[in-house]
């Protein structure tokens, strides 16, 4: 038995169209969108009365997929909980980028929040954290050549 790769990362969102627009503008590509419901999905995820819309987005190189999910039912009664970089659990999605300063400038014009500053890590990477739609934390990493 061996693991071959991560298939996708799933992110549950409230405003699916805004999240989809953000990630498409960021550079991901649309792979598909559809409605999901029924006993089969309920048995997989352990919830009853599931009705959701799923958007699948891919990286330009085809190596990774991001799944955005909007649950119509059942709803999360707690709503969006803002987290910090040190909050326990899965906390961020890292993207390799070119021209990190340009990417950050583009995202800031659209209202994206930069956590701190772009930092040079041992002359190997430029790194920063940004907060995307609905509090999703993204790490941007530019390899220094």
Protein backbone atom coordinates (compact mmCIF):
# COMPACT_ATOMS: atom_id res chain seq x y z
CA UNK A 1 0.00 0.00 0.00
CA UNK A 2 1.23 3.48 -0.82
CA UNK A 3 -0.17 6.98 -1.11
CA UNK A 4 0.36 8.51 -4.54
CA UNK A 5 -0.73 12.16 -4.10
CA UNK A 6 -3.22 14.54 -2.51
CA UNK A 7 -6.30 14.42 -4.73
CA UNK A 8 -7.93 17.66 -3.61
CA UNK A 9 -8.48 20.07 -0.74
CA UNK A 10 -12.09 20.81 0.21
CA UNK A 11 -13.15 24.20 1.54
CA UNK A 12 -16.67 24.83 2.84
CA UNK A 13 -17.90 28.34 2.00
CA UNK A 14 -21.01 30.41 2.52
CA UNK A 15 -20.78 32.63 -0.58
CA UNK A 16 -19.84 30.16 -3.29
CA UNK A 17 -19.94 32.63 -6.17
CA UNK A 18 -17.58 35.08 -4.39
CA UNK A 19 -15.14 32.31 -3.45
CA UNK A 20 -15.24 30.89 -6.99
CA UNK A 21 -14.62 34.33 -8.49
CA UNK A 22 -11.69 34.94 -6.10
CA UNK A 23 -9.92 31.69 -6.96
CA UNK A 24 -10.57 32.01 -10.71
CA UNK A 25 -9.16 35.54 -10.63
CA UNK A 26 -6.23 34.20 -8.58
CA UNK A 27 -5.40 31.87 -11.48
CA UNK A 28 -7.11 28.54 -10.85
CA UNK A 29 -9.10 26.97 -13.68
CA UNK A 30 -12.72 25.83 -13.67
CA UNK A 31 -13.04 22.04 -13.85
CA UNK A 32 -16.72 21.63 -13.08
CA UNK A 33 -19.71 22.62 -10.97
CA UNK A 34 -22.75 20.69 -9.85
CA UNK A 35 -25.35 19.85 -7.27
CA UNK A 36 -24.80 16.96 -4.88
CA UNK A 37 -27.43 15.26 -2.74
CA UNK A 38 -28.71 11.85 -1.81
CA UNK A 39 -28.06 8.91 0.43
CA UNK A 40 -24.67 8.11 -1.10
CA UNK A 41 -23.11 11.45 -0.05
CA UNK A 42 -24.89 11.36 3.32
CA UNK A 43 -23.31 7.97 4.00
CA UNK A 44 -19.85 9.26 3.03
CA UNK A 45 -19.84 12.43 5.15
CA UNK A 46 -22.11 11.32 8.01
CA UNK A 47 -24.77 14.03 7.70
CA UNK A 48 -28.48 13.73 6.90
CA UNK A 49 -30.47 15.83 4.43
CA UNK A 50 -27.41 16.88 2.44
CA UNK A 51 -27.89 19.24 -0.47
CA UNK A 52 -24.79 21.07 -1.65
CA UNK A 53 -23.24 22.79 -4.62
CA UNK A 54 -19.68 21.85 -5.48
CA UNK A 55 -17.19 23.76 -7.62
CA UNK A 56 -13.97 22.02 -8.65
CA UNK A 57 -11.03 24.25 -9.54
CA UNK A 58 -7.65 23.11 -10.82
CA UNK A 59 -4.14 24.45 -10.83
CA UNK A 60 -2.83 25.42 -14.28
CA UNK A 61 -0.27 22.58 -14.12
CA UNK A 62 -3.00 20.03 -13.34
CA UNK A 63 -1.24 18.82 -10.19
CA UNK A 64 -3.80 19.84 -7.56
CA UNK A 65 -7.52 20.48 -7.23
CA UNK A 66 -9.48 22.76 -4.92
CA UNK A 67 -13.08 21.81 -4.09
CA UNK A 68 -15.36 24.64 -2.94
CA UNK A 69 -18.56 23.43 -1.28
CA UNK A 70 -21.69 25.38 -0.34
CA UNK A 71 -24.00 23.38 1.94
CA UNK A 72 -27.62 24.39 1.39
CA UNK A 73 -28.69 21.76 3.94
CA UNK A 74 -27.81 21.08 6.64
CA UNK A 75 -26.43 24.52 7.49
CA UNK A 76 -23.61 25.23 9.91
CA UNK A 77 -25.34 27.19 12.67
CA UNK A 78 -22.05 28.68 13.94
CA UNK A 79 -21.30 30.56 10.73
CA UNK A 80 -17.84 31.65 9.66
CA UNK A 81 -15.30 31.52 12.48
CA UNK A 82 -12.24 33.71 11.85
CA UNK A 83 -9.08 31.84 12.74
CA UNK A 84 -5.48 32.85 13.23
CA UNK A 85 -2.32 31.27 11.85
CA UNK A 86 -1.82 29.38 15.14
CA UNK A 87 -5.40 28.06 15.51
CA UNK A 88 -5.30 24.27 15.80
CA UNK A 89 -6.36 22.20 12.79
CA UNK A 90 -5.95 22.65 9.06
CA UNK A 91 -5.16 26.30 8.74
CA UNK A 92 -3.94 27.37 5.32
CA UNK A 93 -3.47 26.44 1.69
CA UNK A 94 -0.03 27.21 0.21
CA UNK A 95 0.38 28.27 -3.42
CA UNK A 96 3.65 28.53 -5.31
CA UNK A 97 3.58 31.81 -7.24
CA UNK A 98 5.79 33.89 -9.49
CA UNK A 99 6.21 37.60 -8.66
CA UNK A 100 4.82 37.48 -5.13
CA UNK A 101 4.84 41.28 -4.88
CA UNK A 102 2.68 41.53 -8.02
CA UNK A 103 0.27 38.87 -6.79
CA UNK A 104 -0.09 40.59 -3.41
CA UNK A 105 -0.61 44.01 -5.04
CA UNK A 106 -3.35 42.56 -7.28
CA UNK A 107 -5.09 40.88 -4.33
CA UNK A 108 -4.83 43.98 -2.11
CA UNK A 109 -6.63 46.03 -4.79
CA UNK A 110 -9.52 43.57 -4.41
CA UNK A 111 -9.58 43.98 -0.62
CA UNK A 112 -7.54 40.95 0.42
CA UNK A 113 -5.81 41.31 3.79
CA UNK A 114 -2.07 40.67 4.13
CA UNK A 115 -1.29 39.22 7.59
CA UNK A 116 2.14 40.79 8.01
CA UNK A 117 4.83 41.33 5.40
CA UNK A 118 6.45 39.45 2.56
CA UNK A 119 9.56 37.87 4.05
CA UNK A 120 12.70 36.35 2.55
CA UNK A 121 13.36 32.93 4.09
CA UNK A 122 17.08 32.10 3.94
CA UNK A 123 17.36 33.35 0.34
CA UNK A 124 15.31 30.34 -0.83
CA UNK A 125 11.70 31.61 -0.69
CA UNK A 126 9.72 34.81 -0.37
CA UNK A 127 6.70 33.99 1.81
CA UNK A 128 3.57 35.68 3.11
CA UNK A 129 0.10 34.91 4.46
CA UNK A 130 -3.06 36.53 3.12
CA UNK A 131 -6.70 36.17 4.10
CA UNK A 132 -8.98 35.36 1.20
CA UNK A 133 -12.78 35.15 1.05
CA UNK A 134 -14.60 34.00 4.17
CA UNK A 135 -11.39 34.01 6.20
CA UNK A 136 -9.57 31.37 4.12
CA UNK A 137 -5.84 31.69 4.83
CA UNK A 138 -3.49 31.39 1.85
CA UNK A 139 0.27 31.18 2.02
CA UNK A 140 2.08 32.50 -1.03
CA UNK A 141 5.56 31.16 -1.75
CA UNK A 142 7.93 32.38 -4.45
CA UNK A 143 11.08 30.32 -4.95
CA UNK A 144 14.13 32.57 -5.20
CA UNK A 145 16.36 31.52 -8.05
